[in-house]
Every structure is written in structure tokens, then in C-alpha cells.
Amino acid sequence: MTSRERMAAAQRCATPDRVPVMCQLALGHYFLHAGGDAVAIWHDTTAFADALVTLAARYRFDGILVNLPGRDSRWRTYVADIHETPEAQVVVWLDGSITKVPRDDNPHVCLPDGTPKPLPSFADIDPDSLYYVEPHDLSGVTASTFFPPWHSDTLRLVRTRCSDISVHGEVFSPFSQLIELVGVSEAMFALRRDAGKVIACLEALSRGTVELMNSHARTGADAVLISSAFAGGGFISPGDYRRFVLPAERSVITAFKRAHPDVPVYTHTCGLLGDRLELLEETGTGGIDTLDPPPLGNVDLADAKRRVGRRLFLKGNVDPVNTVLRGTPAQCRDDARRRLEMAMEGGGYILSTACSVPPHAPPENILALTATVEEFGQY
């Protein structure tokens, strides 16, 4: 099987030739290990595509998640200066705004005085004006009413270069978009103070989410990931999940499946998920990504396999911090083998770290995960 075929079988909860392996890498990991310049990787379509393809090949991954949008090819013409500080590279734009690009973390867009761009209050948000919120726009968190023509360029370029690898697009869930737009505290207060307006915002943001998912499918994505990072137990209760998250994600997935029934959808949710695996299933998602184990979360992979793993594919559960960042290659192999023993039976499992591979994770530890499935993940 090719990597693309292997991933497709696992996402159908079928049995491929072996368990696939596909980890999401933190942006800082690309900055440190892909061999390119951090400013270019963040700002340039081709540079980011190069980084994605380079590290997928180095780590022998079966899939690539394209988790940044394409960029305006003219971005350098808007730059007044790029200089170095001890903490970061600093891009000064012609309008005076600043982007601080650490060598090992996500960039931050700031005002000319270096302070963070302020977020709007929830009271200032008009639900009728919402369409999609892009957290990773070059100007920072941006509420847009359309997708620019270059938005799909990175996905298109990776798809062209990687015909035998499973290529996935990413969208943010309506709930995540709202939190990115106004901030965690503001959004959480809004759940209690103005639930009706929250629901109206989520319904409005669902429109753009569906259109972006459709765009990914038209561009050639083999699957679409919905990033719903704020829907775990560390943020909201199962009751709030059912009231706010579930209806919006179900409407998005239903609409997308109507247009693209053969393109798998799966959901990335961090942290405490043990009490809401079945709620995720109710959204209509085809798979669950991360499945954080203790102490990062509370998911026992064998339990998840018994509860939902015959109907949904499962991806993750390897501790990215205590195992992949702080452990040794031998510890990574042992941990990966335990995950295989818990979840590979019957297919429908993709070996992965629970959340993103940390920036400073040793490459040999990541390679140990792939080596383990190649040795012990055969069906």
C-alpha cells in the first residue's frame, strides 16, 4: 500500500497493511528542524510547503496536515525591515505593525509599540457580520468575509508534490473561531451572560467553515481536520459541549458530507475527553485526534477503542511532552508499542502524538515512533 492508501483504509476503520503514522508538528518544530528560515516558513507559501514535505519525508509519515493557509506572494513588498533580537526575528511592516517570530514558537503580531493587538469585546461583535475567523493570518487573528485567492495555495502545492502521501486540510471549528476572536475569558463569560448571541455567532461562523472545508476538498485534500481545541473538559462541561459545540460542528459536518461524502472528517480536541467521546461521535465526525493520556488528559486508549473505536478511527495518545520531548528513543518505542497493542486490532488506528510534537523534541524520538509501527504495526 502507498501511504495515501494506508491512511484511507485506517480512516474507513478498515485494516491496512500496517498501522499508519502521522504526527502534527508544532510550527516551532518546523522552524528548528526543517532547514529553512522561520520568517519565511511562516510568511511564504513555498517555504512552508517545503518544510511540510521535508519533515514528512524525514520522519516517514504517512500523512501531512497543512495547518497554515496559503500566503499572498507579494508579502515581502509590504515589509519595511527585518532584524534580529536576542529573542526573535522582528518583521516591521510598512503600516508600522510588527511581527515577532521566535525561533521555536508561533509568531505574534503586535502594534507599532510592540504591544499585542487588542481583541474585540464580545459586546462589539455583530453575529450578522461573521463568516470565518482565521487565527493565523499574516495580520494576526482576522475575521474575514471571504477567502483570498491564495488561501489554498499551500495545500495545492503539497498535493502536487506528494501524490502518494495522505494530505489533509484544516479548519477551525466555529467554537474555536469565536474564542480566538474575543479571547478565552471573554468567550467563557459570554456562554453564561448571552448564550443566544453565542449560538448566533456559531451559526454564522459555520457558513465560512463549510465553505473552507469544501475548498480543501476541491483542492485535493484526502481528509479535513476540524480543530476544536477548546472543547475539552479543561474549558467547558459536557452540558456546554452539547449546547454550544455539538450543534455547530454537526451542522458543519453534515453540510460538508452532503457535498463531499467520500472525504473523511475528523476532530482535534485537546485535554480532558474521557467524558465526551460519544458526544464527539454525535457531531458526525469520522475520527478523533489527540486522545491525550494522563497526565495531559484523561483518555485511556483501550477504553476509547472499546467505546467508539469500532465506529470512529482513532489517532494519537502518545504523550508528546513526557515521552517524545523528555524521553529517549527506547521509551518512545515502548510507548508506541503499547498504543499499538491497545488500538491496532481491527484497524482504524493511526499512531500519533496526542497533540503537536513540541519544537525541541529530538528527531530520533519521532523516528522511533515510525520504526515501531514498521516493526510491530503489521496486519
Protein backbone atom coordinates (compact mmCIF):
# COMPACT_ATOMS: atom_id res chain seq x y z
CA MET A 1 0.00 0.00 0.00
CA THR A 2 1.06 3.59 -0.52
CA SER A 3 0.89 5.92 2.46
CA ARG A 4 -2.18 7.52 0.92
CA GLU A 5 -3.94 4.16 0.59
CA ARG A 6 -2.87 3.13 4.09
CA MET A 7 -4.32 6.27 5.66
CA ALA A 8 -7.52 5.96 3.65
CA ALA A 9 -8.06 2.43 4.90
CA ALA A 10 -7.46 3.42 8.53
CA GLN A 11 -9.88 6.33 8.22
CA ARG A 12 -12.55 3.96 6.97
CA CYS A 13 -11.96 1.90 10.14
CA ALA A 14 -10.65 -0.81 7.83
CA THR A 15 -7.42 -2.80 8.05
CA PRO A 16 -4.45 -1.50 6.02
CA ASP A 17 -1.18 -3.36 5.55
CA ARG A 18 0.15 -1.72 8.71
CA VAL A 19 -0.79 1.00 11.16
CA PRO A 20 -0.15 4.44 9.63
CA VAL A 21 1.87 7.05 11.48
CA MET A 22 1.21 10.77 11.17
CA CYS A 23 2.06 13.41 13.75
CA GLN A 24 1.18 17.09 13.70
CA LEU A 25 4.34 19.11 14.27
CA ALA A 26 4.37 22.38 16.17
CA LEU A 27 5.30 25.35 13.99
CA GLY A 28 8.38 25.82 16.14
CA HIS A 29 9.49 22.30 15.22
CA TYR A 30 9.46 23.28 11.55
CA PHE A 31 11.42 26.44 12.36
CA LEU A 32 14.10 24.47 14.20
CA HIS A 33 14.37 21.32 12.12
CA ALA A 34 13.20 21.87 8.52
CA GLY A 35 16.28 23.78 7.48
CA GLY A 36 14.54 26.98 6.44
CA ASP A 37 14.21 30.48 7.84
CA ALA A 38 11.44 30.90 10.43
CA VAL A 39 10.24 34.20 8.95
CA ALA A 40 9.93 32.61 5.50
CA ILE A 41 8.28 29.41 6.76
CA TRP A 42 5.56 31.44 8.48
CA HIS A 43 5.04 34.03 5.76
CA ASP A 44 5.73 32.22 2.49
CA THR A 45 3.62 29.54 0.80
CA THR A 46 6.52 27.74 -0.87
CA ALA A 47 8.76 27.85 2.20
CA PHE A 48 6.07 26.31 4.41
CA ALA A 49 5.24 23.67 1.80
CA ASP A 50 8.95 22.81 1.61
CA ALA A 51 9.05 22.42 5.40
CA LEU A 52 5.98 20.18 5.44
CA VAL A 53 7.30 17.91 2.71
CA THR A 54 10.85 17.81 4.09
CA LEU A 55 9.91 16.67 7.59
CA ALA A 56 7.20 14.26 6.43
CA ALA A 57 9.86 12.54 4.33
CA ARG A 58 12.47 12.64 7.11
CA TYR A 59 10.09 11.10 9.66
CA ARG A 60 8.50 8.72 7.12
CA PHE A 61 4.99 9.95 7.95
CA ASP A 62 2.03 8.59 6.02
CA GLY A 63 0.21 11.93 6.10
CA ILE A 64 0.75 15.68 6.11
CA LEU A 65 -1.51 18.21 7.83
CA VAL A 66 -1.46 21.57 6.05
CA ASN A 67 -2.22 23.76 9.06
CA LEU A 68 -1.45 27.21 7.70
CA PRO A 69 -3.28 28.94 4.87
CA GLY A 70 -1.56 29.97 1.67
CA ARG A 71 0.04 33.39 1.69
CA ASP A 72 -0.02 36.45 -0.53
CA SER A 73 3.03 36.02 -2.78
CA ARG A 74 3.62 39.80 -2.55
CA TRP A 75 4.16 39.74 1.23
CA ARG A 76 7.78 40.88 1.01
CA THR A 77 6.71 44.09 -0.73
CA TYR A 78 4.83 45.09 2.43
CA VAL A 79 7.93 44.70 4.63
CA ALA A 80 9.86 47.77 5.78
CA ASP A 81 12.56 45.91 7.73
CA ILE A 82 13.56 42.54 9.18
CA HIS A 83 16.03 42.48 12.04
CA GLU A 84 17.24 40.18 14.80
CA THR A 85 16.85 40.48 18.56
CA PRO A 86 18.05 38.00 21.18
CA GLU A 87 14.51 36.63 21.50
CA ALA A 88 13.20 36.65 17.92
CA GLN A 89 13.37 37.89 14.39
CA VAL A 90 11.27 41.02 14.01
CA VAL A 91 9.39 41.95 10.86
CA VAL A 92 8.42 45.62 10.63
CA TRP A 93 5.63 46.22 8.15
CA LEU A 94 5.06 49.37 6.08
CA ASP A 95 1.99 50.22 8.18
CA GLY A 96 4.15 50.18 11.33
CA SER A 97 2.84 46.93 12.78
CA ILE A 98 5.33 44.31 13.94
CA THR A 99 5.54 40.53 13.76
CA LYS A 100 7.80 38.88 16.34
CA VAL A 101 8.99 35.50 15.11
CA PRO A 102 10.61 33.37 17.85
CA ARG A 103 12.95 30.65 16.67
CA ASP A 104 10.87 27.96 18.34
CA ASP A 105 7.29 29.23 18.68
CA ASN A 106 4.37 30.75 16.81
CA PRO A 107 4.84 34.37 15.68
CA HIS A 108 2.96 37.20 17.34
CA VAL A 109 1.57 40.24 15.52
CA CYS A 110 1.92 43.44 17.54
CA LEU A 111 1.12 47.13 17.37
CA PRO A 112 3.95 49.53 16.42
CA ASP A 113 4.85 49.95 20.10
CA GLY A 114 5.33 46.18 20.47
CA THR A 115 2.19 45.52 22.50
CA PRO A 116 -0.22 42.74 21.41
CA LYS A 117 -3.05 43.65 19.08
CA PRO A 118 -6.20 44.09 21.20
CA LEU A 119 -9.09 41.69 20.72
CA PRO A 120 -12.64 42.98 20.35
CA SER A 121 -15.07 42.52 23.21
CA PHE A 122 -17.92 40.10 22.77
CA ALA A 123 -20.36 43.02 23.11
CA ASP A 124 -18.82 44.60 20.00
CA ILE A 125 -19.34 41.50 17.84
CA ASP A 126 -22.22 41.53 15.36
CA PRO A 127 -23.16 37.93 14.52
CA ASP A 128 -24.50 39.01 11.12
CA SER A 129 -21.02 40.24 10.14
CA LEU A 130 -19.26 36.94 10.91
CA TYR A 131 -18.18 34.43 8.29
CA TYR A 132 -14.81 32.88 9.26
CA VAL A 133 -12.08 33.77 11.73
CA GLU A 134 -8.53 32.94 10.62
CA PRO A 135 -6.21 32.81 13.65
CA HIS A 136 -3.06 32.51 11.52
CA ASP A 137 -3.49 35.40 9.09
CA LEU A 138 -0.34 37.43 8.49
CA SER A 139 -2.01 40.33 10.29
CA GLY A 140 -2.95 38.16 13.27
CA VAL A 141 -6.41 36.91 14.20
CA THR A 142 -8.64 38.12 11.37
CA ALA A 143 -12.38 37.98 10.89
CA SER A 144 -12.96 37.76 7.16
CA THR A 145 -15.99 37.67 4.87
CA PHE A 146 -14.22 35.81 2.03
CA PHE A 147 -11.18 33.63 1.35
CA PRO A 148 -8.45 35.28 -0.75
CA PRO A 149 -7.40 33.53 -3.97
CA TRP A 150 -4.10 32.34 -2.46
CA HIS A 151 -5.72 30.71 0.58
CA SER A 152 -5.49 27.19 -0.90
CA ASP A 153 -2.04 27.57 -2.45
CA THR A 154 -0.09 25.65 0.22
CA LEU A 155 -2.48 22.72 0.15
CA ARG A 156 -2.41 22.71 -3.65
CA LEU A 157 1.39 22.77 -3.73
CA VAL A 158 1.78 19.96 -1.19
CA ARG A 159 -0.84 17.88 -3.01
CA THR A 160 1.04 18.30 -6.29
CA ARG A 161 4.36 17.30 -4.75
CA CYS A 162 3.06 14.37 -2.67
CA SER A 163 0.87 12.14 -4.79
CA ASP A 164 1.40 9.05 -2.60
CA ILE A 165 1.00 10.69 0.83
CA SER A 166 -2.30 11.50 2.51
CA VAL A 167 -2.68 15.30 2.54
CA HIS A 168 -5.12 16.89 4.98
CA GLY A 169 -6.59 20.37 5.21
CA GLU A 170 -7.51 22.06 8.48
CA VAL A 171 -10.34 24.33 9.56
CA PHE A 172 -11.12 25.80 12.95
CA SER A 173 -14.44 24.85 14.50
CA PRO A 174 -16.95 27.70 14.95
CA PHE A 175 -16.44 27.49 18.73
CA SER A 176 -12.66 27.76 18.38
CA GLN A 177 -13.02 30.67 15.99
CA LEU A 178 -15.16 32.59 18.47
CA ILE A 179 -12.63 32.02 21.25
CA GLU A 180 -9.74 33.09 19.01
CA LEU A 181 -11.66 36.24 18.06
CA VAL A 182 -12.50 37.54 21.55
CA GLY A 183 -10.24 35.52 23.86
CA VAL A 184 -10.91 32.65 26.24
CA SER A 185 -12.14 34.64 29.24
CA GLU A 186 -14.44 36.86 27.20
CA ALA A 187 -15.93 33.86 25.39
CA MET A 188 -16.47 31.86 28.59
CA PHE A 189 -18.28 34.75 30.25
CA ALA A 190 -20.44 35.06 27.12
CA LEU A 191 -21.61 31.46 27.46
CA ARG A 192 -23.25 32.43 30.75
CA ARG A 193 -24.28 36.00 30.00
CA ASP A 194 -25.56 35.87 26.43
CA ALA A 195 -25.97 32.28 25.26
CA GLY A 196 -28.38 33.29 22.50
CA LYS A 197 -25.83 35.62 20.91
CA VAL A 198 -23.11 32.95 21.25
CA ILE A 199 -25.29 30.50 19.34
CA ALA A 200 -25.99 33.13 16.68
CA CYS A 201 -22.25 33.71 16.28
CA LEU A 202 -21.56 29.99 15.97
CA GLU A 203 -24.28 29.61 13.34
CA ALA A 204 -22.81 32.49 11.33
CA LEU A 205 -19.27 31.12 11.56
CA SER A 206 -20.48 27.74 10.38
CA ARG A 207 -21.08 29.15 6.90
CA GLY A 208 -17.46 30.07 6.30
CA THR A 209 -16.26 26.86 7.92
CA VAL A 210 -18.26 24.75 5.47
CA GLU A 211 -17.01 26.77 2.52
CA LEU A 212 -13.39 26.37 3.60
CA MET A 213 -13.86 22.62 4.05
CA ASN A 214 -15.38 22.44 0.57
CA SER A 215 -12.42 24.40 -0.78
CA HIS A 216 -9.99 21.93 0.80
CA ALA A 217 -11.82 19.02 -0.82
CA ARG A 218 -11.87 20.74 -4.22
CA THR A 219 -8.13 21.38 -3.90
CA GLY A 220 -7.46 17.67 -3.39
CA ALA A 221 -7.37 17.12 0.37
CA ASP A 222 -7.71 13.46 1.32
CA ALA A 223 -9.31 14.44 4.64
CA VAL A 224 -10.28 17.55 6.59
CA LEU A 225 -9.40 18.12 10.24
CA ILE A 226 -11.67 20.27 12.40
CA SER A 227 -9.55 21.93 15.09
CA SER A 228 -11.77 22.14 18.16
CA ALA A 229 -9.08 22.64 20.76
CA PHE A 230 -11.22 24.47 23.34
CA ALA A 231 -13.98 21.87 23.59
CA GLY A 232 -12.36 19.61 26.19
CA GLY A 233 -13.11 19.28 29.87
CA GLY A 234 -10.49 21.83 30.85
CA PHE A 235 -12.65 24.52 29.27
CA ILE A 236 -16.31 23.51 29.17
CA SER A 237 -18.64 20.95 30.70
CA PRO A 238 -20.35 18.16 28.75
CA GLY A 239 -23.56 20.19 29.05
CA ASP A 240 -21.98 23.23 27.41
CA TYR A 241 -20.43 20.97 24.79
CA ARG A 242 -23.88 19.66 23.93
CA ARG A 243 -25.41 23.13 23.89
CA PHE A 244 -22.76 25.11 22.02
CA VAL A 245 -20.17 22.92 20.31
CA LEU A 246 -22.13 19.90 19.16
CA PRO A 247 -24.86 21.65 17.11
CA ALA A 248 -22.40 23.86 15.24
CA GLU A 249 -19.97 21.05 14.45
CA ARG A 250 -22.79 18.70 13.46
CA SER A 251 -24.22 21.27 11.05
CA VAL A 252 -20.78 21.86 9.52
CA ILE A 253 -20.03 18.16 9.10
CA THR A 254 -23.50 17.39 7.75
CA ALA A 255 -23.23 20.11 5.11
CA PHE A 256 -19.73 19.05 4.11
CA LYS A 257 -20.64 15.37 3.86
CA ARG A 258 -23.57 16.29 1.65
CA ALA A 259 -21.16 17.87 -0.83
CA HIS A 260 -18.19 15.50 -0.34
CA PRO A 261 -19.41 12.20 1.07
CA ASP A 262 -16.14 10.38 0.34
CA VAL A 263 -13.78 12.81 2.10
CA PRO A 264 -13.21 11.86 5.76
CA VAL A 265 -13.67 14.45 8.51
CA TYR A 266 -12.03 14.12 11.90
CA THR A 267 -11.84 16.29 15.00
CA HIS A 268 -8.89 17.55 17.05
CA THR A 269 -9.82 18.25 20.67
CA CYS A 270 -7.24 18.62 23.43
CA GLY A 271 -7.16 17.71 27.09
CA LEU A 272 -9.91 16.02 29.07
CA LEU A 273 -12.04 13.98 26.66
CA GLY A 274 -12.88 10.88 28.65
CA ASP A 275 -16.39 12.08 29.45
CA ARG A 276 -17.31 13.20 25.91
CA LEU A 277 -16.11 10.70 23.34
CA GLU A 278 -19.69 9.80 22.49
CA LEU A 279 -20.57 13.50 22.24
CA LEU A 280 -17.84 13.92 19.64
CA GLU A 281 -19.35 10.98 17.80
CA GLU A 282 -22.73 12.72 17.75
CA THR A 283 -21.26 15.54 15.65
CA GLY A 284 -20.93 13.08 12.78
CA THR A 285 -17.14 13.19 12.79
CA GLY A 286 -15.35 10.18 11.38
CA GLY A 287 -12.44 10.18 13.80
CA ILE A 288 -10.94 11.68 16.95
CA ASP A 289 -7.46 13.19 17.06
CA THR A 290 -5.20 13.72 20.12
CA LEU A 291 -6.79 11.50 22.83
CA ASP A 292 -4.46 12.98 25.45
CA PRO A 293 -3.33 10.38 28.01
CA PRO A 294 -2.72 11.18 31.69
CA PRO A 295 -1.27 13.49 32.91
CA LEU A 296 -2.01 15.74 29.91
CA GLY A 297 -5.57 14.43 29.61
CA ASN A 298 -7.68 11.53 30.80
CA VAL A 299 -8.13 9.20 27.83
CA ASP A 300 -7.33 5.52 28.21
CA LEU A 301 -6.81 4.36 24.63
CA ALA A 302 -8.09 0.83 25.24
CA ASP A 303 -11.25 2.30 26.77
CA ALA A 304 -11.71 4.67 23.83
CA LYS A 305 -11.26 1.76 21.42
CA ARG A 306 -14.00 -0.19 23.20
CA ARG A 307 -16.40 2.74 23.37
CA VAL A 308 -16.12 4.35 19.93
CA GLY A 309 -13.17 2.76 18.13
CA ARG A 310 -15.23 0.38 16.02
CA ARG A 311 -17.20 3.26 14.52
CA LEU A 312 -14.64 6.10 14.54
CA PHE A 313 -10.97 5.97 13.68
CA LEU A 314 -8.64 7.00 16.48
CA LYS A 315 -5.42 8.99 16.11
CA GLY A 316 -2.97 9.84 18.85
CA ASN A 317 -2.49 9.08 22.56
CA VAL A 318 1.33 9.12 22.63
CA ASP A 319 2.36 11.72 25.24
CA PRO A 320 4.15 14.47 23.28
CA VAL A 321 5.75 16.02 26.37
CA ASN A 322 6.75 13.29 28.80
CA THR A 323 7.52 10.70 26.12
CA VAL A 324 8.54 12.42 22.88
CA LEU A 325 10.09 15.60 24.28
CA ARG A 326 11.63 14.32 27.52
CA GLY A 327 12.03 10.61 26.81
CA THR A 328 14.56 8.50 24.97
CA PRO A 329 14.13 6.62 21.68
CA ALA A 330 13.72 3.41 23.67
CA GLN A 331 10.95 4.95 25.77
CA CYS A 332 9.25 6.22 22.62
CA ARG A 333 9.36 2.73 21.11
CA ASP A 334 7.92 1.20 24.27
CA ASP A 335 5.14 3.76 24.45
CA ALA A 336 4.28 3.36 20.76
CA ARG A 337 4.17 -0.40 21.08
CA ARG A 338 1.72 -0.12 24.00
CA ARG A 339 -0.55 2.10 21.88
CA LEU A 340 -0.45 -0.47 19.08
CA GLU A 341 -1.40 -3.25 21.50
CA MET A 342 -4.35 -1.21 22.76
CA ALA A 343 -5.78 0.10 19.48
CA MET A 344 -4.49 -1.51 16.28
CA GLU A 345 -6.71 -4.60 16.38
CA GLY A 346 -9.33 -4.47 13.66
CA GLY A 347 -7.85 -1.37 12.03
CA GLY A 348 -8.97 2.20 12.42
CA TYR A 349 -5.94 3.43 14.37
CA ILE A 350 -3.28 5.97 13.37
CA LEU A 351 -0.21 6.20 15.58
CA SER A 352 0.46 9.79 16.57
CA THR A 353 1.39 12.03 19.40
CA ALA A 354 -1.65 13.22 21.33
CA CYS A 355 -1.12 16.85 20.37
CA SER A 356 1.60 18.62 18.39
CA VAL A 357 5.17 17.38 18.52
CA PRO A 358 6.98 20.02 20.63
CA PRO A 359 9.53 22.30 18.96
CA HIS A 360 12.51 20.82 20.81
CA ALA A 361 11.50 17.15 20.58
CA PRO A 362 14.55 15.16 19.42
CA PRO A 363 14.11 13.94 15.83
CA GLU A 364 15.36 10.49 16.84
CA ASN A 365 12.39 10.16 19.21
CA ILE A 366 9.95 10.88 16.39
CA LEU A 367 11.71 8.40 14.14
CA ALA A 368 11.36 5.81 16.89
CA LEU A 369 7.56 6.03 16.53
CA THR A 370 7.75 5.26 12.83
CA ALA A 371 10.25 2.46 13.35
CA THR A 372 7.88 0.87 15.87
CA VAL A 373 4.92 0.70 13.50
CA GLU A 374 7.16 -0.59 10.74
CA GLU A 375 8.28 -3.42 13.01
CA PHE A 376 5.19 -4.16 15.12
CA GLY A 377 2.28 -2.49 13.35
CA GLN A 378 1.80 -5.01 10.53
CA TYR A 379 -1.62 -6.60 9.99
